Amino acid sequence: MALRDIKPTRSELINLKRKIQLSERGYKILKMKRDGLIMEFFKILAEAKDSRGELLKKYQHAVEMMAVANTVEGAI
């Protein structure tokens, strides 16, 4: 908004103050949403790490079982 677009009247001052208040409220709401999304992201990240750990354990067990099967049956 350029300075020449603003009229030096009391009503214009009131309108600008309202716009500023609206902008500040919108900023606070967006900040709260961002914080909520970050908390949710970290919760999902922790779950993903746990799932990855379990998957890695199952994979290692499967590799060991394949090695045992290969030893017992031989390469067919």
N, C-alpha and C. Protein backbone atom coordinates (compact mmCIF):
# COMPACT_ATOMS: atom_id res chain seq x y z
N MET A 1 0.85 -1.16 0.00
CA MET A 1 0.00 0.00 0.00
C MET A 1 0.90 1.23 0.00
N ALA A 2 0.74 2.07 -0.99
CA ALA A 2 1.55 3.28 -1.10
C ALA A 2 1.01 4.36 -0.18
N LEU A 3 1.88 5.27 0.22
CA LEU A 3 1.48 6.33 1.13
C LEU A 3 0.47 7.28 0.49
N ARG A 4 0.51 7.47 -0.80
CA ARG A 4 -0.41 8.41 -1.44
C ARG A 4 -1.83 7.85 -1.54
N ASP A 5 -2.00 6.53 -1.30
CA ASP A 5 -3.33 5.93 -1.34
C ASP A 5 -4.09 6.16 -0.04
N ILE A 6 -3.43 6.61 1.01
CA ILE A 6 -4.05 6.77 2.31
C ILE A 6 -4.52 8.22 2.47
N LYS A 7 -5.79 8.37 2.80
CA LYS A 7 -6.33 9.70 3.04
C LYS A 7 -6.13 10.04 4.52
N PRO A 8 -5.71 11.25 4.82
CA PRO A 8 -5.45 11.62 6.22
C PRO A 8 -6.73 12.00 6.97
N THR A 9 -7.63 11.03 7.11
CA THR A 9 -8.88 11.29 7.83
C THR A 9 -8.99 10.33 9.00
N ARG A 10 -9.85 10.68 9.92
CA ARG A 10 -10.06 9.84 11.12
C ARG A 10 -10.66 8.49 10.73
N SER A 11 -11.59 8.50 9.82
CA SER A 11 -12.22 7.24 9.40
C SER A 11 -11.20 6.32 8.73
N GLU A 12 -10.29 6.89 7.97
CA GLU A 12 -9.24 6.08 7.34
C GLU A 12 -8.31 5.48 8.40
N LEU A 13 -8.01 6.25 9.44
CA LEU A 13 -7.19 5.76 10.53
C LEU A 13 -7.88 4.58 11.23
N ILE A 14 -9.17 4.71 11.47
CA ILE A 14 -9.94 3.62 12.11
C ILE A 14 -9.92 2.38 11.22
N ASN A 15 -10.12 2.56 9.93
CA ASN A 15 -10.11 1.42 8.99
C ASN A 15 -8.73 0.74 8.97
N LEU A 16 -7.67 1.54 8.99
CA LEU A 16 -6.33 0.95 8.99
C LEU A 16 -6.06 0.19 10.27
N LYS A 17 -6.51 0.71 11.41
CA LYS A 17 -6.34 0.00 12.68
C LYS A 17 -7.08 -1.33 12.67
N ARG A 18 -8.28 -1.34 12.09
CA ARG A 18 -9.05 -2.59 11.98
C ARG A 18 -8.30 -3.60 11.11
N LYS A 19 -7.75 -3.12 10.00
CA LYS A 19 -7.00 -4.02 9.11
C LYS A 19 -5.78 -4.59 9.82
N ILE A 20 -5.12 -3.76 10.61
CA ILE A 20 -3.95 -4.22 11.35
C ILE A 20 -4.34 -5.27 12.37
N GLN A 21 -5.44 -5.03 13.09
CA GLN A 21 -5.91 -6.01 14.08
C GLN A 21 -6.29 -7.32 13.41
N LEU A 22 -6.97 -7.24 12.27
CA LEU A 22 -7.34 -8.44 11.54
C LEU A 22 -6.10 -9.21 11.09
N SER A 23 -5.11 -8.48 10.60
CA SER A 23 -3.87 -9.13 10.16
C SER A 23 -3.17 -9.82 11.33
N GLU A 24 -3.14 -9.16 12.48
CA GLU A 24 -2.48 -9.75 13.65
C GLU A 24 -3.21 -10.99 14.13
N ARG A 25 -4.55 -10.96 14.11
CA ARG A 25 -5.30 -12.16 14.50
C ARG A 25 -5.06 -13.30 13.52
N GLY A 26 -5.06 -12.97 12.23
CA GLY A 26 -4.78 -14.00 11.22
C GLY A 26 -3.41 -14.60 11.39
N TYR A 27 -2.43 -13.75 11.72
CA TYR A 27 -1.07 -14.23 11.94
C TYR A 27 -1.02 -15.19 13.13
N LYS A 28 -1.69 -14.83 14.21
CA LYS A 28 -1.71 -15.69 15.40
C LYS A 28 -2.35 -17.03 15.09
N ILE A 29 -3.44 -17.02 14.34
CA ILE A 29 -4.13 -18.27 13.98
C ILE A 29 -3.22 -19.15 13.13
N LEU A 30 -2.56 -18.55 12.14
CA LEU A 30 -1.65 -19.32 11.29
C LEU A 30 -0.48 -19.87 12.09
N LYS A 31 0.01 -19.11 13.06
CA LYS A 31 1.11 -19.58 13.91
C LYS A 31 0.67 -20.78 14.75
N MET A 32 -0.56 -20.72 15.29
CA MET A 32 -1.07 -21.85 16.07
C MET A 32 -1.24 -23.08 15.19
N LYS A 33 -1.73 -22.90 13.97
CA LYS A 33 -1.88 -24.03 13.05
C LYS A 33 -0.52 -24.65 12.72
N ARG A 34 0.47 -23.79 12.48
CA ARG A 34 1.81 -24.28 12.18
C ARG A 34 2.36 -25.09 13.34
N ASP A 35 2.20 -24.59 14.55
CA ASP A 35 2.68 -25.30 15.73
C ASP A 35 1.99 -26.66 15.87
N GLY A 36 0.68 -26.69 15.62
CA GLY A 36 -0.06 -27.95 15.69
C GLY A 36 0.42 -28.95 14.65
N LEU A 37 0.68 -28.47 13.44
CA LEU A 37 1.16 -29.36 12.38
C LEU A 37 2.56 -29.89 12.70
N ILE A 38 3.39 -29.06 13.29
CA ILE A 38 4.74 -29.51 13.66
C ILE A 38 4.66 -30.60 14.72
N MET A 39 3.78 -30.40 15.72
CA MET A 39 3.62 -31.43 16.76
C MET A 39 3.12 -32.74 16.15
N GLU A 40 2.17 -32.64 15.25
CA GLU A 40 1.63 -33.84 14.59
C GLU A 40 2.71 -34.52 13.75
N PHE A 41 3.53 -33.72 13.07
CA PHE A 41 4.61 -34.27 12.26
C PHE A 41 5.59 -35.06 13.11
N PHE A 42 5.98 -34.52 14.26
CA PHE A 42 6.94 -35.22 15.11
C PHE A 42 6.34 -36.50 15.69
N LYS A 43 5.03 -36.49 15.96
CA LYS A 43 4.38 -37.71 16.45
C LYS A 43 4.41 -38.79 15.36
N ILE A 44 4.11 -38.42 14.14
CA ILE A 44 4.14 -39.38 13.02
C ILE A 44 5.56 -39.84 12.75
N LEU A 45 6.53 -38.93 12.91
CA LEU A 45 7.92 -39.29 12.71
C LEU A 45 8.37 -40.35 13.71
N ALA A 46 7.94 -40.21 14.96
CA ALA A 46 8.29 -41.21 15.98
C ALA A 46 7.68 -42.56 15.64
N GLU A 47 6.43 -42.56 15.18
CA GLU A 47 5.79 -43.81 14.77
C GLU A 47 6.53 -44.45 13.60
N ALA A 48 6.96 -43.62 12.66
CA ALA A 48 7.68 -44.14 11.49
C ALA A 48 9.01 -44.76 11.90
N LYS A 49 9.69 -44.12 12.85
CA LYS A 49 10.96 -44.68 13.33
C LYS A 49 10.73 -46.03 14.00
N ASP A 50 9.67 -46.13 14.81
CA ASP A 50 9.37 -47.40 15.46
C ASP A 50 9.05 -48.49 14.43
N SER A 51 8.24 -48.13 13.44
CA SER A 51 7.87 -49.10 12.40
C SER A 51 9.09 -49.54 11.62
N ARG A 52 9.97 -48.59 11.36
CA ARG A 52 11.18 -48.94 10.61
C ARG A 52 12.05 -49.90 11.42
N GLY A 53 12.15 -49.67 12.73
CA GLY A 53 12.94 -50.56 13.58
C GLY A 53 12.37 -51.97 13.58
N GLU A 54 11.05 -52.08 13.69
CA GLU A 54 10.41 -53.41 13.66
C GLU A 54 10.64 -54.09 12.32
N LEU A 55 10.50 -53.33 11.25
CA LEU A 55 10.69 -53.88 9.92
C LEU A 55 12.12 -54.36 9.73
N LEU A 56 13.07 -53.61 10.25
CA LEU A 56 14.47 -54.01 10.15
C LEU A 56 14.73 -55.31 10.91
N LYS A 57 14.13 -55.45 12.09
CA LYS A 57 14.28 -56.69 12.86
C LYS A 57 13.70 -57.88 12.10
N LYS A 58 12.52 -57.70 11.53
CA LYS A 58 11.88 -58.79 10.77
C LYS A 58 12.71 -59.15 9.54
N TYR A 59 13.29 -58.14 8.90
CA TYR A 59 14.12 -58.40 7.73
C TYR A 59 15.37 -59.20 8.11
N GLN A 60 16.00 -58.82 9.21
CA GLN A 60 17.19 -59.55 9.67
C GLN A 60 16.84 -61.00 9.99
N HIS A 61 15.69 -61.19 10.64
CA HIS A 61 15.24 -62.56 10.96
C HIS A 61 15.00 -63.35 9.69
N ALA A 62 14.38 -62.72 8.69
CA ALA A 62 14.12 -63.40 7.42
C ALA A 62 15.42 -63.78 6.72
N VAL A 63 16.39 -62.90 6.76
CA VAL A 63 17.69 -63.19 6.13
C VAL A 63 18.35 -64.38 6.83
N GLU A 64 18.28 -64.41 8.16
CA GLU A 64 18.85 -65.53 8.91
C GLU A 64 18.14 -66.83 8.56
N MET A 65 16.82 -66.80 8.45
CA MET A 65 16.06 -68.00 8.11
C MET A 65 16.39 -68.47 6.69
N MET A 66 16.60 -67.52 5.78
CA MET A 66 16.97 -67.90 4.41
C MET A 66 18.36 -68.55 4.41
N ALA A 67 19.27 -68.03 5.25
CA ALA A 67 20.60 -68.62 5.33
C ALA A 67 20.52 -70.04 5.88
N VAL A 68 19.69 -70.25 6.90
CA VAL A 68 19.52 -71.59 7.47
C VAL A 68 18.91 -72.52 6.43
N ALA A 69 17.88 -72.05 5.74
CA ALA A 69 17.25 -72.88 4.71
C ALA A 69 18.23 -73.21 3.59
N ASN A 70 19.03 -72.26 3.22
CA ASN A 70 20.03 -72.48 2.18
C ASN A 70 21.07 -73.50 2.64
N THR A 71 21.42 -73.44 3.89
CA THR A 71 22.40 -74.39 4.44
C THR A 71 21.82 -75.80 4.48
N VAL A 72 20.56 -75.92 4.92
CA VAL A 72 19.93 -77.24 5.06
C VAL A 72 19.60 -77.84 3.69
N GLU A 73 18.97 -77.06 2.83
CA GLU A 73 18.50 -77.58 1.55
C GLU A 73 19.54 -77.48 0.46
N GLY A 74 20.44 -76.54 0.59
CA GLY A 74 21.43 -76.33 -0.47
C GLY A 74 20.84 -75.39 -1.53
N ALA A 75 21.66 -74.94 -2.41
CA ALA A 75 21.20 -74.03 -3.47
C ALA A 75 20.55 -74.87 -4.56
N ILE A 76 19.24 -74.70 -4.70
CA ILE A 76 18.51 -75.48 -5.73
C ILE A 76 18.13 -74.54 -6.85
